[in-house]
Amino acid sequence: MGYFTFTHSGKMAKLCAHEVAFSLIFMLLLSYIQTQATEEQTKTTEFDVRPGGMVHSFTDSIEGYECSFSFAAQGGTNEKWLMSVGLSEDKKLFSCSVWRPTGKSYLFFTQFKMELKGTKIEHANAFSQAAVPAGQSDVVLRPEEYTVGESAVTHTEGKFNAQLSKLMAIGRTRHEEL
């Protein structure tokens, strides 16, 4: 299996070829959904991620499809985050993304869960640093740090390193043509 080695913030990281390929395909699919959706089929909302160790949730929906992001974090102060939900033009794919628009979160997440209602998750990815116009690049979490289920993406207890800046999932809807 091929590996790609890169340096980030002075640290060497090694990603296997299938992790890189999966990330690229995922980003292309998410971009496709967002460009194919009309303005009525996408929505972005700002919310606060609050420290303090208590579990908080933020939920948004579009045309009956719902995304819920639950989390507990420690350290720092409130951070402004965004949630974007979108539905493809043919209504077969529903996407949800949560991210810190400034790129890196300074909070330590003790847990997280993104749940999609009305869909079956086909692709998901999580990042410890999100790309911003200033030039930072996405830093993918290791696959063992989170678990992708049929309807939810959650941290993996004991393996998640407490850093999260972006979480994205795409689910296939149960939309039936008449």
Protein backbone atom coordinates (compact mmCIF):
# COMPACT_ATOMS: atom_id res chain seq x y z
CA MET A 1 0.00 0.00 0.00
CA GLY A 2 1.39 3.42 -0.94
CA TYR A 3 1.92 6.15 1.61
CA PHE A 4 2.16 9.91 1.31
CA THR A 5 4.39 11.71 3.79
CA PHE A 6 3.95 15.39 4.52
CA THR A 7 5.11 17.89 7.08
CA HIS A 8 2.64 20.05 8.99
CA SER A 9 3.61 22.43 11.79
CA GLY A 10 7.00 20.76 11.99
CA LYS A 11 5.49 17.28 12.44
CA MET A 12 5.81 14.47 9.93
CA ALA A 13 2.60 12.66 9.07
CA LYS A 14 2.05 9.59 6.97
CA LEU A 15 -1.24 8.90 5.19
CA CYS A 16 -1.91 5.79 3.20
CA ALA A 17 -3.02 6.23 -0.39
CA HIS A 18 -6.60 5.13 0.27
CA GLU A 19 -7.01 7.79 3.02
CA VAL A 20 -5.85 10.50 0.61
CA ALA A 21 -8.06 9.17 -2.19
CA PHE A 22 -11.09 8.92 0.09
CA SER A 23 -10.61 12.51 1.29
CA LEU A 24 -10.32 13.80 -2.28
CA ILE A 25 -13.39 11.89 -3.46
CA PHE A 26 -15.35 13.05 -0.42
CA MET A 27 -14.46 16.71 -1.02
CA LEU A 28 -15.38 16.42 -4.71
CA LEU A 29 -18.73 14.80 -3.87
CA LEU A 30 -19.53 17.46 -1.27
CA SER A 31 -18.60 20.21 -3.76
CA TYR A 32 -20.83 18.58 -6.37
CA ILE A 33 -23.81 18.50 -3.99
CA GLN A 34 -23.31 22.13 -3.04
CA THR A 35 -23.04 23.30 -6.66
CA GLN A 36 -26.03 21.23 -7.79
CA ALA A 37 -28.30 22.46 -5.00
CA THR A 38 -30.40 25.54 -5.54
CA GLU A 39 -30.49 28.33 -2.98
CA GLU A 40 -33.65 26.82 -1.45
CA GLN A 41 -31.83 23.51 -1.04
CA THR A 42 -28.91 24.80 1.04
CA LYS A 43 -28.79 26.63 4.33
CA THR A 44 -25.92 27.81 6.52
CA THR A 45 -26.48 28.88 10.13
CA GLU A 46 -24.09 30.22 12.76
CA PHE A 47 -24.07 28.73 16.28
CA ASP A 48 -21.89 28.80 19.39
CA VAL A 49 -19.67 25.96 20.52
CA ARG A 50 -19.43 26.42 24.27
CA PRO A 51 -16.86 24.99 26.67
CA GLY A 52 -17.69 23.80 30.18
CA GLY A 53 -17.87 20.06 29.71
CA MET A 54 -21.66 19.89 29.33
CA VAL A 55 -23.22 18.30 26.24
CA HIS A 56 -24.75 20.88 23.89
CA SER A 57 -26.57 20.31 20.60
CA PHE A 58 -27.38 22.29 17.50
CA THR A 59 -29.86 21.07 14.90
CA ASP A 60 -30.90 22.31 11.49
CA SER A 61 -33.02 20.82 8.74
CA ILE A 62 -34.10 21.27 5.17
CA GLU A 63 -37.15 19.72 3.52
CA GLY A 64 -37.62 17.23 6.36
CA TYR A 65 -33.99 16.03 6.47
CA GLU A 66 -32.27 16.87 9.74
CA CYS A 67 -28.71 17.22 10.98
CA SER A 68 -27.91 17.34 14.68
CA PHE A 69 -24.45 18.08 16.08
CA SER A 70 -23.90 17.26 19.77
CA PHE A 71 -20.65 17.98 21.57
CA ALA A 72 -18.92 18.58 24.87
CA ALA A 73 -15.81 20.76 25.01
CA GLN A 74 -13.39 22.22 27.57
CA GLY A 75 -11.14 25.28 27.74
CA GLY A 76 -11.26 28.73 26.22
CA THR A 77 -14.41 30.68 25.49
CA ASN A 78 -17.35 30.35 23.10
CA GLU A 79 -16.43 29.92 19.45
CA LYS A 80 -18.57 30.82 16.44
CA TRP A 81 -19.14 27.79 14.22
CA LEU A 82 -21.25 27.21 11.10
CA MET A 83 -23.60 24.40 10.13
CA SER A 84 -24.50 23.96 6.49
CA VAL A 85 -27.20 21.54 5.33
CA GLY A 86 -27.90 20.83 1.68
CA LEU A 87 -30.04 18.66 -0.52
CA SER A 88 -29.02 17.69 -4.05
CA GLU A 89 -31.29 18.83 -6.86
CA ASP A 90 -32.62 15.29 -7.34
CA LYS A 91 -33.15 15.02 -3.54
CA LYS A 92 -31.14 11.80 -3.37
CA LEU A 93 -28.22 13.16 -1.30
CA PHE A 94 -28.34 15.18 1.93
CA SER A 95 -25.16 16.79 3.24
CA CYS A 96 -24.28 18.31 6.58
CA SER A 97 -21.10 20.14 7.54
CA VAL A 98 -20.09 21.84 10.77
CA TRP A 99 -16.88 23.83 10.95
CA ARG A 100 -15.01 26.65 12.58
CA PRO A 101 -14.72 29.37 9.92
CA THR A 102 -11.39 30.61 11.27
CA GLY A 103 -9.90 27.18 10.71
CA LYS A 104 -8.66 25.87 14.04
CA SER A 105 -10.60 25.36 17.23
CA TYR A 106 -8.82 26.05 20.49
CA LEU A 107 -11.34 24.03 22.48
CA PHE A 108 -10.69 20.45 23.57
CA PHE A 109 -13.62 18.27 22.58
CA THR A 110 -14.37 15.46 24.99
CA GLN A 111 -17.03 14.08 22.65
CA PHE A 112 -18.92 14.75 19.43
CA LYS A 113 -21.73 13.21 17.42
CA MET A 114 -23.30 14.23 14.11
CA GLU A 115 -26.59 12.53 13.36
CA LEU A 116 -28.44 12.64 10.05
CA LYS A 117 -32.16 11.85 10.14
CA GLY A 118 -33.93 10.55 7.05
CA THR A 119 -30.73 9.34 5.37
CA LYS A 120 -28.16 6.56 5.40
CA ILE A 121 -24.62 7.93 5.67
CA GLU A 122 -22.43 7.03 2.70
CA HIS A 123 -19.41 9.29 3.31
CA ALA A 124 -18.08 11.18 6.32
CA ASN A 125 -14.87 12.89 7.29
CA ALA A 126 -13.53 14.81 10.28
CA PHE A 127 -10.69 17.31 10.57
CA SER A 128 -8.62 18.82 13.36
CA GLN A 129 -7.95 21.96 11.33
CA ALA A 130 -10.09 23.39 8.57
CA ALA A 131 -8.84 25.20 5.49
CA VAL A 132 -9.33 28.96 5.44
CA PRO A 133 -8.48 31.62 2.86
CA ALA A 134 -5.39 32.56 4.88
CA GLY A 135 -3.73 29.41 3.59
CA GLN A 136 -4.19 26.69 6.20
CA SER A 137 -5.08 23.27 4.88
CA ASP A 138 -7.49 20.66 6.20
CA VAL A 139 -5.89 18.17 8.56
CA VAL A 140 -7.78 14.87 8.47
CA LEU A 141 -8.39 13.00 11.73
CA ARG A 142 -7.02 9.48 11.80
CA PRO A 143 -9.76 6.95 10.88
CA GLU A 144 -9.57 5.32 14.32
CA GLU A 145 -10.48 8.64 16.03
CA TYR A 146 -14.10 8.52 14.86
CA THR A 147 -16.74 5.99 13.86
CA VAL A 148 -19.14 6.26 10.93
CA GLY A 149 -22.41 4.44 11.44
CA GLU A 150 -25.56 4.20 9.34
CA SER A 151 -26.99 7.47 10.66
CA ALA A 152 -24.28 9.01 12.88
CA VAL A 153 -20.62 9.97 13.04
CA THR A 154 -19.18 9.86 16.57
CA HIS A 155 -15.85 10.18 18.34
CA THR A 156 -14.18 6.90 19.26
CA GLU A 157 -13.79 6.70 23.03
CA GLY A 158 -10.13 6.47 24.04
CA LYS A 159 -8.81 7.15 20.52
CA PHE A 160 -10.14 10.63 19.74
CA ASN A 161 -7.41 13.24 20.40
CA ALA A 162 -9.86 16.01 21.46
CA GLN A 163 -9.27 18.23 18.40
CA LEU A 164 -12.08 18.99 15.97
CA SER A 165 -12.51 21.87 13.52
CA LYS A 166 -14.70 20.39 10.79
CA LEU A 167 -17.05 17.45 10.46
CA MET A 168 -18.89 16.51 7.27
CA ALA A 169 -21.30 13.76 6.26
CA ILE A 170 -23.25 12.87 3.13
CA GLY A 171 -26.24 10.58 3.33
CA ARG A 172 -28.41 8.93 0.71
CA THR A 173 -32.01 9.90 1.26
CA ARG A 174 -34.88 7.50 1.28
CA HIS A 175 -36.51 9.62 -1.41
CA GLU A 176 -38.77 7.60 -3.67
CA GLU A 177 -39.97 8.73 -7.09
CA LEU A 178 -43.70 8.35 -7.66
